[in-house]
Amino acid sequence: FLNTLLHCHRLTDLRLAGVPKAVARVLEITGLHEALH
């Protein structure tokens, strides 16, 4: 899932909305919360 988001982030202005706490935590742990919108 994370790789899919990163791949598409490279292709377009990917905007993630309404991120639930469990998913936000994974994004924080991996540092992706700083790379993704």
Full PDB file with SEQRES, HELIX, SHEET, SSBOND, CRYST1, ORIGX, SCALE, CONECT and MASTER records, all heavy atoms in Angstrom:
SEQRES   1 A   37  PHE LEU ASN THR LEU LEU HIS CYS HIS ARG LEU THR ASP          
SEQRES   2 A   37  LEU ARG LEU ALA GLY VAL PRO LYS ALA VAL ALA ARG VAL          
SEQRES   3 A   37  LEU GLU ILE THR GLY LEU HIS GLU ALA LEU HIS                  
HELIX    1 AA1 LEU A    2  LEU A   11  1                                  10    
HELIX    2 AA2 LYS A   21  THR A   30  1                                  10    
HELIX    3 AA3 LEU A   32  GLU A   34  5                                   3    
CRYST1    1.000    1.000    1.000  90.00  90.00  90.00 P 1           1          
ORIGX1      1.000000  0.000000  0.000000        0.00000                         
ORIGX2      0.000000  1.000000  0.000000        0.00000                         
ORIGX3      0.000000  0.000000  1.000000        0.00000                         
SCALE1      1.000000  0.000000  0.000000        0.00000                         
SCALE2      0.000000  1.000000  0.000000        0.00000                         
SCALE3      0.000000  0.000000  1.000000        0.00000                         
ATOM      1  N   PHE A   1       0.839  -1.200   0.000  1.00  0.00           N  
ATOM      2  CA  PHE A   1       0.000   0.000   0.000  1.00  0.00           C  
ATOM      3  C   PHE A   1       0.876   1.253   0.000  1.00  0.00           C  
ATOM      4  O   PHE A   1       0.659   2.169  -0.799  1.00  0.00           O  
ATOM      5  CB  PHE A   1      -0.918  -0.032   1.228  1.00  0.00           C  
ATOM      6  CG  PHE A   1      -1.623   1.251   1.528  1.00  0.00           C  
ATOM      7  CD1 PHE A   1      -2.601   1.751   0.684  1.00  0.00           C  
ATOM      8  CD2 PHE A   1      -1.326   1.963   2.681  1.00  0.00           C  
ATOM      9  CE1 PHE A   1      -3.263   2.940   0.974  1.00  0.00           C  
ATOM     10  CE2 PHE A   1      -1.985   3.142   2.986  1.00  0.00           C  
ATOM     11  CZ  PHE A   1      -2.951   3.635   2.132  1.00  0.00           C  
ATOM     12  N   LEU A   2       1.872   1.289   0.868  1.00  0.00           N  
ATOM     13  CA  LEU A   2       2.770   2.448   0.939  1.00  0.00           C  
ATOM     14  C   LEU A   2       3.522   2.640  -0.370  1.00  0.00           C  
ATOM     15  O   LEU A   2       3.658   3.765  -0.854  1.00  0.00           O  
ATOM     16  CB  LEU A   2       3.747   2.290   2.097  1.00  0.00           C  
ATOM     17  CG  LEU A   2       3.124   2.230   3.495  1.00  0.00           C  
ATOM     18  CD1 LEU A   2       4.201   2.006   4.547  1.00  0.00           C  
ATOM     19  CD2 LEU A   2       2.302   3.465   3.793  1.00  0.00           C  
ATOM     20  N   ASN A   3       3.996   1.555  -0.958  1.00  0.00           N  
ATOM     21  CA  ASN A   3       4.694   1.649  -2.247  1.00  0.00           C  
ATOM     22  C   ASN A   3       3.767   2.159  -3.349  1.00  0.00           C  
ATOM     23  O   ASN A   3       4.197   2.913  -4.224  1.00  0.00           O  
ATOM     24  CB  ASN A   3       5.299   0.305  -2.639  1.00  0.00           C  
ATOM     25  CG  ASN A   3       6.555   0.004  -1.872  1.00  0.00           C  
ATOM     26  OD1 ASN A   3       7.306   0.908  -1.520  1.00  0.00           O  
ATOM     27  ND2 ASN A   3       6.798  -1.262  -1.608  1.00  0.00           N  
ATOM     28  N   THR A   4       2.512   1.747  -3.316  1.00  0.00           N  
ATOM     29  CA  THR A   4       1.530   2.228  -4.296  1.00  0.00           C  
ATOM     30  C   THR A   4       1.353   3.733  -4.169  1.00  0.00           C  
ATOM     31  O   THR A   4       1.342   4.456  -5.171  1.00  0.00           O  
ATOM     32  CB  THR A   4       0.179   1.508  -4.101  1.00  0.00           C  
ATOM     33  OG1 THR A   4       0.374   0.107  -4.311  1.00  0.00           O  
ATOM     34  CG2 THR A   4      -0.879   2.036  -5.051  1.00  0.00           C  
ATOM     35  N   LEU A   5       1.226   4.222  -2.929  1.00  0.00           N  
ATOM     36  CA  LEU A   5       1.079   5.657  -2.710  1.00  0.00           C  
ATOM     37  C   LEU A   5       2.311   6.412  -3.203  1.00  0.00           C  
ATOM     38  O   LEU A   5       2.193   7.430  -3.888  1.00  0.00           O  
ATOM     39  CB  LEU A   5       0.839   5.961  -1.234  1.00  0.00           C  
ATOM     40  CG  LEU A   5      -0.460   5.434  -0.624  1.00  0.00           C  
ATOM     41  CD1 LEU A   5      -0.525   5.805   0.855  1.00  0.00           C  
ATOM     42  CD2 LEU A   5      -1.676   5.944  -1.367  1.00  0.00           C  
ATOM     43  N   LEU A   6       3.487   5.914  -2.884  1.00  0.00           N  
ATOM     44  CA  LEU A   6       4.725   6.576  -3.312  1.00  0.00           C  
ATOM     45  C   LEU A   6       4.854   6.594  -4.830  1.00  0.00           C  
ATOM     46  O   LEU A   6       5.232   7.614  -5.420  1.00  0.00           O  
ATOM     47  CB  LEU A   6       5.938   5.884  -2.703  1.00  0.00           C  
ATOM     48  CG  LEU A   6       6.268   6.278  -1.286  1.00  0.00           C  
ATOM     49  CD1 LEU A   6       7.418   5.430  -0.761  1.00  0.00           C  
ATOM     50  CD2 LEU A   6       6.599   7.751  -1.199  1.00  0.00           C  
ATOM     51  N   HIS A   7       4.556   5.483  -5.457  1.00  0.00           N  
ATOM     52  CA  HIS A   7       4.631   5.407  -6.924  1.00  0.00           C  
ATOM     53  C   HIS A   7       3.718   6.452  -7.561  1.00  0.00           C  
ATOM     54  O   HIS A   7       4.128   7.193  -8.459  1.00  0.00           O  
ATOM     55  CB  HIS A   7       4.267   3.999  -7.386  1.00  0.00           C  
ATOM     56  CG  HIS A   7       4.152   3.870  -8.874  1.00  0.00           C  
ATOM     57  ND1 HIS A   7       5.236   3.953  -9.714  1.00  0.00           N  
ATOM     58  CD2 HIS A   7       3.066   3.691  -9.666  1.00  0.00           C  
ATOM     59  CE1 HIS A   7       4.838   3.826 -10.970  1.00  0.00           C  
ATOM     60  NE2 HIS A   7       3.515   3.663 -10.961  1.00  0.00           N  
ATOM     61  N   CYS A   8       2.490   6.525  -7.091  1.00  0.00           N  
ATOM     62  CA  CYS A   8       1.538   7.462  -7.687  1.00  0.00           C  
ATOM     63  C   CYS A   8       1.856   8.903  -7.303  1.00  0.00           C  
ATOM     64  O   CYS A   8       1.589   9.822  -8.073  1.00  0.00           O  
ATOM     65  CB  CYS A   8       0.118   7.065  -7.309  1.00  0.00           C  
ATOM     66  SG  CYS A   8      -0.337   5.506  -8.123  1.00  0.00           S  
ATOM     67  N   HIS A   9       2.461   9.107  -6.150  1.00  0.00           N  
ATOM     68  CA  HIS A   9       2.913  10.438  -5.736  1.00  0.00           C  
ATOM     69  C   HIS A   9       3.951  10.980  -6.725  1.00  0.00           C  
ATOM     70  O   HIS A   9       4.006  12.176  -6.989  1.00  0.00           O  
ATOM     71  CB  HIS A   9       3.482  10.362  -4.319  1.00  0.00           C  
ATOM     72  CG  HIS A   9       4.143  11.608  -3.847  1.00  0.00           C  
ATOM     73  ND1 HIS A   9       3.444  12.760  -3.561  1.00  0.00           N  
ATOM     74  CD2 HIS A   9       5.438  11.885  -3.594  1.00  0.00           C  
ATOM     75  CE1 HIS A   9       4.287  13.688  -3.162  1.00  0.00           C  
ATOM     76  NE2 HIS A   9       5.514  13.186  -3.170  1.00  0.00           N  
ATOM     77  N   ARG A  10       4.740  10.088  -7.292  1.00  0.00           N  
ATOM     78  CA  ARG A  10       5.738  10.491  -8.286  1.00  0.00           C  
ATOM     79  C   ARG A  10       5.102  10.839  -9.635  1.00  0.00           C  
ATOM     80  O   ARG A  10       5.694  11.560 -10.426  1.00  0.00           O  
ATOM     81  CB  ARG A  10       6.759   9.374  -8.473  1.00  0.00           C  
ATOM     82  CG  ARG A  10       7.648   9.179  -7.273  1.00  0.00           C  
ATOM     83  CD  ARG A  10       8.676   8.078  -7.520  1.00  0.00           C  
ATOM     84  NE  ARG A  10       9.399   7.789  -6.306  1.00  0.00           N  
ATOM     85  CZ  ARG A  10       9.301   6.652  -5.633  1.00  0.00           C  
ATOM     86  NH1 ARG A  10       8.501   5.694  -6.070  1.00  0.00           N  
ATOM     87  NH2 ARG A  10       9.986   6.478  -4.530  1.00  0.00           N  
ATOM     88  N   LEU A  11       3.903  10.337  -9.884  1.00  0.00           N  
ATOM     89  CA  LEU A  11       3.226  10.549 -11.161  1.00  0.00           C  
ATOM     90  C   LEU A  11       2.308  11.763 -11.178  1.00  0.00           C  
ATOM     91  O   LEU A  11       2.027  12.314 -12.246  1.00  0.00           O  
ATOM     92  CB  LEU A  11       2.399   9.315 -11.531  1.00  0.00           C  
ATOM     93  CG  LEU A  11       3.150   8.003 -11.713  1.00  0.00           C  
ATOM     94  CD1 LEU A  11       2.158   6.855 -11.899  1.00  0.00           C  
ATOM     95  CD2 LEU A  11       4.098   8.104 -12.895  1.00  0.00           C  
ATOM     96  N   THR A  12       1.802  12.146 -10.018  1.00  0.00           N  
ATOM     97  CA  THR A  12       0.786  13.195  -9.950  1.00  0.00           C  
ATOM     98  C   THR A  12       0.865  13.908  -8.611  1.00  0.00           C  
ATOM     99  O   THR A  12       1.627  13.515  -7.729  1.00  0.00           O  
ATOM    100  CB  THR A  12      -0.627  12.590 -10.152  1.00  0.00           C  
ATOM    101  OG1 THR A  12      -1.577  13.636 -10.327  1.00  0.00           O  
ATOM    102  CG2 THR A  12      -1.050  11.720  -8.986  1.00  0.00           C  
ATOM    103  N   ASP A  13       0.053  14.925  -8.460  1.00  0.00           N  
ATOM    104  CA  ASP A  13      -0.110  15.607  -7.176  1.00  0.00           C  
ATOM    105  C   ASP A  13      -1.100  14.759  -6.378  1.00  0.00           C  
ATOM    106  O   ASP A  13      -2.306  14.965  -6.448  1.00  0.00           O  
ATOM    107  CB  ASP A  13      -0.634  17.028  -7.425  1.00  0.00           C  
ATOM    108  CG  ASP A  13      -0.950  17.770  -6.139  1.00  0.00           C  
ATOM    109  OD1 ASP A  13      -0.612  17.276  -5.046  1.00  0.00           O  
ATOM    110  OD2 ASP A  13      -1.546  18.861  -6.237  1.00  0.00           O  
ATOM    111  N   LEU A  14      -0.581  13.787  -5.642  1.00  0.00           N  
ATOM    112  CA  LEU A  14      -1.423  12.865  -4.877  1.00  0.00           C  
ATOM    113  C   LEU A  14      -1.787  13.504  -3.546  1.00  0.00           C  
ATOM    114  O   LEU A  14      -0.913  13.908  -2.787  1.00  0.00           O  
ATOM    115  CB  LEU A  14      -0.687  11.544  -4.650  1.00  0.00           C  
ATOM    116  CG  LEU A  14      -1.479  10.450  -3.944  1.00  0.00           C  
ATOM    117  CD1 LEU A  14      -2.688  10.026  -4.778  1.00  0.00           C  
ATOM    118  CD2 LEU A  14      -0.580   9.259  -3.659  1.00  0.00           C  
ATOM    119  N   ARG A  15      -3.078  13.577  -3.276  1.00  0.00           N  
ATOM    120  CA  ARG A  15      -3.588  14.205  -2.062  1.00  0.00           C  
ATOM    121  C   ARG A  15      -4.353  13.170  -1.253  1.00  0.00           C  
ATOM    122  O   ARG A  15      -5.344  12.617  -1.717  1.00  0.00           O  
ATOM    123  CB  ARG A  15      -4.493  15.381  -2.408  1.00  0.00           C  
ATOM    124  CG  ARG A  15      -3.790  16.420  -3.268  1.00  0.00           C  
ATOM    125  CD  ARG A  15      -4.718  17.509  -3.695  1.00  0.00           C  
ATOM    126  NE  ARG A  15      -4.062  18.437  -4.620  1.00  0.00           N  
ATOM    127  CZ  ARG A  15      -4.554  19.617  -4.932  1.00  0.00           C  
ATOM    128  NH1 ARG A  15      -5.691  20.030  -4.421  1.00  0.00           N  
ATOM    129  NH2 ARG A  15      -3.890  20.388  -5.785  1.00  0.00           N  
ATOM    130  N   LEU A  16      -3.891  12.907  -0.033  1.00  0.00           N  
ATOM    131  CA  LEU A  16      -4.518  11.915   0.841  1.00  0.00           C  
ATOM    132  C   LEU A  16      -5.416  12.634   1.837  1.00  0.00           C  
ATOM    133  O   LEU A  16      -4.958  13.489   2.591  1.00  0.00           O  
ATOM    134  CB  LEU A  16      -3.454  11.100   1.575  1.00  0.00           C  
ATOM    135  CG  LEU A  16      -2.418  10.418   0.678  1.00  0.00           C  
ATOM    136  CD1 LEU A  16      -1.402   9.659   1.519  1.00  0.00           C  
ATOM    137  CD2 LEU A  16      -3.084   9.499  -0.329  1.00  0.00           C  
ATOM    138  N   ALA A  17      -6.688  12.272   1.842  1.00  0.00           N  
ATOM    139  CA  ALA A  17      -7.668  12.949   2.691  1.00  0.00           C  
ATOM    140  C   ALA A  17      -8.226  12.004   3.748  1.00  0.00           C  
ATOM    141  O   ALA A  17      -8.333  10.803   3.531  1.00  0.00           O  
ATOM    142  CB  ALA A  17      -8.804  13.479   1.826  1.00  0.00           C  
ATOM    143  N   GLY A  18      -8.589  12.587   4.892  1.00  0.00           N  
ATOM    144  CA  GLY A  18      -9.268  11.823   5.935  1.00  0.00           C  
ATOM    145  C   GLY A  18      -8.478  10.626   6.428  1.00  0.00           C  
ATOM    146  O   GLY A  18      -9.054   9.576   6.697  1.00  0.00           O  
ATOM    147  N   VAL A  19      -7.188  10.776   6.571  1.00  0.00           N  
ATOM    148  CA  VAL A  19      -6.321   9.653   6.953  1.00  0.00           C  
ATOM    149  C   VAL A  19      -6.649   9.209   8.379  1.00  0.00           C  
ATOM    150  O   VAL A  19      -6.508   9.991   9.316  1.00  0.00           O  
ATOM    151  CB  VAL A  19      -4.832  10.047   6.848  1.00  0.00           C  
ATOM    152  CG1 VAL A  19      -3.947   8.880   7.206  1.00  0.00           C  
ATOM    153  CG2 VAL A  19      -4.514  10.576   5.452  1.00  0.00           C  
ATOM    154  N   PRO A  20      -7.090   7.960   8.565  1.00  0.00           N  
ATOM    155  CA  PRO A  20      -7.408   7.484   9.914  1.00  0.00           C  
ATOM    156  C   PRO A  20      -6.142   7.325  10.763  1.00  0.00           C  
ATOM    157  O   PRO A  20      -5.032   7.221  10.244  1.00  0.00           O  
ATOM    158  CB  PRO A  20      -8.083   6.125   9.676  1.00  0.00           C  
ATOM    159  CG  PRO A  20      -7.739   5.731   8.301  1.00  0.00           C  
ATOM    160  CD  PRO A  20      -7.360   6.959   7.546  1.00  0.00           C  
ATOM    161  N   LYS A  21      -6.315   7.324  12.074  1.00  0.00           N  
ATOM    162  CA  LYS A  21      -5.181   7.284  12.995  1.00  0.00           C  
ATOM    163  C   LYS A  21      -4.245   6.110  12.747  1.00  0.00           C  
ATOM    164  O   LYS A  21      -3.029   6.269  12.794  1.00  0.00           O  
ATOM    165  CB  LYS A  21      -5.663   7.276  14.445  1.00  0.00           C  
ATOM    166  CG  LYS A  21      -6.225   8.598  14.877  1.00  0.00           C  
ATOM    167  CD  LYS A  21      -6.643   8.585  16.328  1.00  0.00           C  
ATOM    168  CE  LYS A  21      -7.240   9.931  16.687  1.00  0.00           C  
ATOM    169  NZ  LYS A  21      -7.569  10.028  18.098  1.00  0.00           N  
ATOM    170  N   ALA A  22      -4.788   4.939  12.478  1.00  0.00           N  
ATOM    171  CA  ALA A  22      -3.939   3.757  12.274  1.00  0.00           C  
ATOM    172  C   ALA A  22      -3.053   3.929  11.037  1.00  0.00           C  
ATOM    173  O   ALA A  22      -1.867   3.576  11.064  1.00  0.00           O  
ATOM    174  CB  ALA A  22      -4.792   2.499  12.142  1.00  0.00           C  
ATOM    175  N   VAL A  23      -3.603   4.475   9.981  1.00  0.00           N  
ATOM    176  CA  VAL A  23      -2.830   4.692   8.754  1.00  0.00           C  
ATOM    177  C   VAL A  23      -1.861   5.861   8.956  1.00  0.00           C  
ATOM    178  O   VAL A  23      -0.707   5.803   8.526  1.00  0.00           O  
ATOM    179  CB  VAL A  23      -3.754   4.924   7.543  1.00  0.00           C  
ATOM    180  CG1 VAL A  23      -2.957   5.272   6.291  1.00  0.00           C  
ATOM    181  CG2 VAL A  23      -4.624   3.694   7.295  1.00  0.00           C  
ATOM    182  N   ALA A  24      -2.310   6.910   9.636  1.00  0.00           N  
ATOM    183  CA  ALA A  24      -1.443   8.052   9.916  1.00  0.00           C  
ATOM    184  C   ALA A  24      -0.229   7.611  10.717  1.00  0.00           C  
ATOM    185  O   ALA A  24       0.888   8.080  10.483  1.00  0.00           O  
ATOM    186  CB  ALA A  24      -2.208   9.134  10.664  1.00  0.00           C  
ATOM    187  N   ARG A  25      -0.425   6.697  11.644  1.00  0.00           N  
ATOM    188  CA  ARG A  25       0.689   6.196  12.462  1.00  0.00           C  
ATOM    189  C   ARG A  25       1.731   5.497  11.597  1.00  0.00           C  
ATOM    190  O   ARG A  25       2.930   5.702  11.766  1.00  0.00           O  
ATOM    191  CB  ARG A  25       0.162   5.252  13.553  1.00  0.00           C  
ATOM    192  CG  ARG A  25       1.217   4.707  14.450  1.00  0.00           C  
ATOM    193  CD  ARG A  25       1.722   5.780  15.408  1.00  0.00           C  
ATOM    194  NE  ARG A  25       2.719   5.175  16.267  1.00  0.00           N  
ATOM    195  CZ  ARG A  25       3.905   5.700  16.514  1.00  0.00           C  
ATOM    196  NH1 ARG A  25       4.233   6.866  15.996  1.00  0.00           N  
ATOM    197  NH2 ARG A  25       4.765   5.088  17.281  1.00  0.00           N  
ATOM    198  N   VAL A  26       1.290   4.683  10.652  1.00  0.00           N  
ATOM    199  CA  VAL A  26       2.222   4.005   9.744  1.00  0.00           C  
ATOM    200  C   VAL A  26       2.968   5.037   8.897  1.00  0.00           C  
ATOM    201  O   VAL A  26       4.178   4.923   8.690  1.00  0.00           O  
ATOM    202  CB  VAL A  26       1.475   2.991   8.848  1.00  0.00           C  
ATOM    203  CG1 VAL A  26       2.389   2.427   7.777  1.00  0.00           C  
ATOM    204  CG2 VAL A  26       0.886   1.873   9.689  1.00  0.00           C  
ATOM    205  N   LEU A  27       2.269   6.053   8.429  1.00  0.00           N  
ATOM    206  CA  LEU A  27       2.915   7.099   7.647  1.00  0.00           C  
ATOM    207  C   LEU A  27       3.951   7.852   8.490  1.00  0.00           C  
ATOM    208  O   LEU A  27       5.022   8.204   8.000  1.00  0.00           O  
ATOM    209  CB  LEU A  27       1.881   8.070   7.085  1.00  0.00           C  
ATOM    210  CG  LEU A  27       0.907   7.492   6.057  1.00  0.00           C  
ATOM    211  CD1 LEU A  27      -0.161   8.527   5.689  1.00  0.00           C  
ATOM    212  CD2 LEU A  27       1.620   6.994   4.823  1.00  0.00           C  
ATOM    213  N   GLU A  28       3.645   8.075   9.762  1.00  0.00           N  
ATOM    214  CA  GLU A  28       4.585   8.749  10.652  1.00  0.00           C  
ATOM    215  C   GLU A  28       5.815   7.885  10.930  1.00  0.00           C  
ATOM    216  O   GLU A  28       6.951   8.374  10.873  1.00  0.00           O  
ATOM    217  CB  GLU A  28       3.902   9.109  11.967  1.00  0.00           C  
ATOM    218  CG  GLU A  28       2.893  10.220  11.825  1.00  0.00           C  
ATOM    219  CD  GLU A  28       2.045  10.406  13.076  1.00  0.00           C  
ATOM    220  OE1 GLU A  28       2.378   9.837  14.139  1.00  0.00           O  
ATOM    221  OE2 GLU A  28       1.033  11.119  12.987  1.00  0.00           O  
ATOM    222  N   ILE A  29       5.600   6.618  11.232  1.00  0.00           N  
ATOM    223  CA  ILE A  29       6.708   5.710  11.541  1.00  0.00           C  
ATOM    224  C   ILE A  29       7.675   5.610  10.367  1.00  0.00           C  
ATOM    225  O   ILE A  29       8.890   5.570  10.548  1.00  0.00           O  
ATOM    226  CB  ILE A  29       6.168   4.310  11.925  1.00  0.00           C  
ATOM    227  CG1 ILE A  29       5.485   4.376  13.292  1.00  0.00           C  
ATOM    228  CG2 ILE A  29       7.287   3.266  11.934  1.00  0.00           C  
ATOM    229  CD1 ILE A  29       4.709   3.127  13.642  1.00  0.00           C  
ATOM    230  N   THR A  30       7.135   5.586   9.164  1.00  0.00           N  
ATOM    231  CA  THR A  30       7.975   5.447   7.971  1.00  0.00           C  
ATOM    232  C   THR A  30       8.512   6.787   7.457  1.00  0.00           C  
ATOM    233  O   THR A  30       9.335   6.810   6.547  1.00  0.00           O  
ATOM    234  CB  THR A  30       7.183   4.773   6.833  1.00  0.00           C  
ATOM    235  OG1 THR A  30       6.030   5.568   6.532  1.00  0.00           O  
ATOM    236  CG2 THR A  30       6.758   3.355   7.223  1.00  0.00           C  
ATOM    237  N   GLY A  31       8.032   7.890   8.022  1.00  0.00           N  
ATOM    238  CA  GLY A  31       8.451   9.208   7.568  1.00  0.00           C  
ATOM    239  C   GLY A  31       7.723   9.696   6.336  1.00  0.00           C  
ATOM    240  O   GLY A  31       7.993  10.787   5.833  1.00  0.00           O  
ATOM    241  N   LEU A  32       6.771   8.914   5.845  1.00  0.00           N  
ATOM    242  CA  LEU A  32       6.052   9.295   4.627  1.00  0.00           C  
ATOM    243  C   LEU A  32       5.088  10.461   4.846  1.00  0.00           C  
ATOM    244  O   LEU A  32       4.700  11.124   3.889  1.00  0.00           O  
ATOM    245  CB  LEU A  32       5.301   8.096   4.046  1.00  0.00           C  
ATOM    246  CG  LEU A  32       6.209   6.990   3.510  1.00  0.00           C  
ATOM    247  CD1 LEU A  32       5.382   5.824   3.011  1.00  0.00           C  
ATOM    248  CD2 LEU A  32       7.098   7.533   2.404  1.00  0.00           C  
ATOM    249  N   HIS A  33       4.741  10.725   6.087  1.00  0.00           N  
ATOM    250  CA  HIS A  33       3.865  11.874   6.362  1.00  0.00           C  
ATOM    251  C   HIS A  33       4.523  13.186   5.940  1.00  0.00           C  
ATOM    252  O   HIS A  33       3.846  14.161   5.677  1.00  0.00           O  
ATOM    253  CB  HIS A  33       3.475  11.912   7.841  1.00  0.00           C  
ATOM    254  CG  HIS A  33       4.602  12.254   8.765  1.00  0.00           C  
ATOM    255  ND1 HIS A  33       5.683  11.412   8.948  1.00  0.00           N  
ATOM    256  CD2 HIS A  33       4.831  13.351   9.515  1.00  0.00           C  
ATOM    257  CE1 HIS A  33       6.526  11.976   9.792  1.00  0.00           C  
ATOM    258  NE2 HIS A  33       6.030  13.158  10.156  1.00  0.00           N  
ATOM    259  N   GLU A  34       5.858  13.192   5.844  1.00  0.00           N  
ATOM    260  CA  GLU A  34       6.562  14.399   5.410  1.00  0.00           C  
ATOM    261  C   GLU A  34       6.659  14.488   3.886  1.00  0.00           C  
ATOM    262  O   GLU A  34       6.842  15.574   3.347  1.00  0.00           O  
ATOM    263  CB  GLU A  34       7.950  14.443   6.032  1.00  0.00           C  
ATOM    264  CG  GLU A  34       7.898  14.604   7.539  1.00  0.00           C  
ATOM    265  CD  GLU A  34       9.266  14.704   8.169  1.00  0.00           C  
ATOM    266  OE1 GLU A  34      10.263  14.888   7.437  1.00  0.00           O  
ATOM    267  OE2 GLU A  34       9.331  14.596   9.395  1.00  0.00           O  
ATOM    268  N   ALA A  35       6.565  13.369   3.198  1.00  0.00           N  
ATOM    269  CA  ALA A  35       6.696  13.347   1.739  1.00  0.00           C  
ATOM    270  C   ALA A  35       5.352  13.482   1.031  1.00  0.00           C  
ATOM    271  O   ALA A  35       5.271  14.080  -0.037  1.00  0.00           O  
ATOM    272  CB  ALA A  35       7.378  12.057   1.293  1.00  0.00           C  
ATOM    273  N   LEU A  36       4.313  12.923   1.607  1.00  0.00           N  
ATOM    274  CA  LEU A  36       2.999  12.916   0.979  1.00  0.00           C  
ATOM    275  C   LEU A  36       2.177  14.113   1.431  1.00  0.00           C  
ATOM    276  O   LEU A  36       2.434  14.685   2.487  1.00  0.00           O  
ATOM    277  CB  LEU A  36       2.268  11.611   1.315  1.00  0.00           C  
ATOM    278  CG  LEU A  36       2.975  10.326   0.872  1.00  0.00           C  
ATOM    279  CD1 LEU A  36       2.253   9.106   1.406  1.00  0.00           C  
ATOM    280  CD2 LEU A  36       3.086  10.264  -0.639  1.00  0.00           C  
ATOM    281  N   HIS A  37       1.182  14.495   0.643  1.00  0.00           N  
ATOM    282  CA  HIS A  37       0.300  15.613   0.972  1.00  0.00           C  
ATOM    283  C   HIS A  37      -0.934  15.073   1.694  1.00  0.00           C  
ATOM    284  O   HIS A  37      -1.752  14.374   1.087  1.00  0.00           O  
ATOM    285  CB  HIS A  37      -0.107  16.366  -0.292  1.00  0.00           C  
ATOM    286  CG  HIS A  37       1.057  16.901  -1.048  1.00  0.00           C  
ATOM    287  ND1 HIS A  37       1.305  16.585  -2.351  1.00  0.00           N  
ATOM    288  CD2 HIS A  37       2.077  17.713  -0.658  1.00  0.00           C  
ATOM    289  CE1 HIS A  37       2.409  17.185  -2.741  1.00  0.00           C  
ATOM    290  NE2 HIS A  37       2.898  17.873  -1.736  1.00  0.00           N  
TER     291      HIS A  37                                                      
MASTER        0    0    0    3    0    0    0    6  290    1    0    3          
END                                                                             
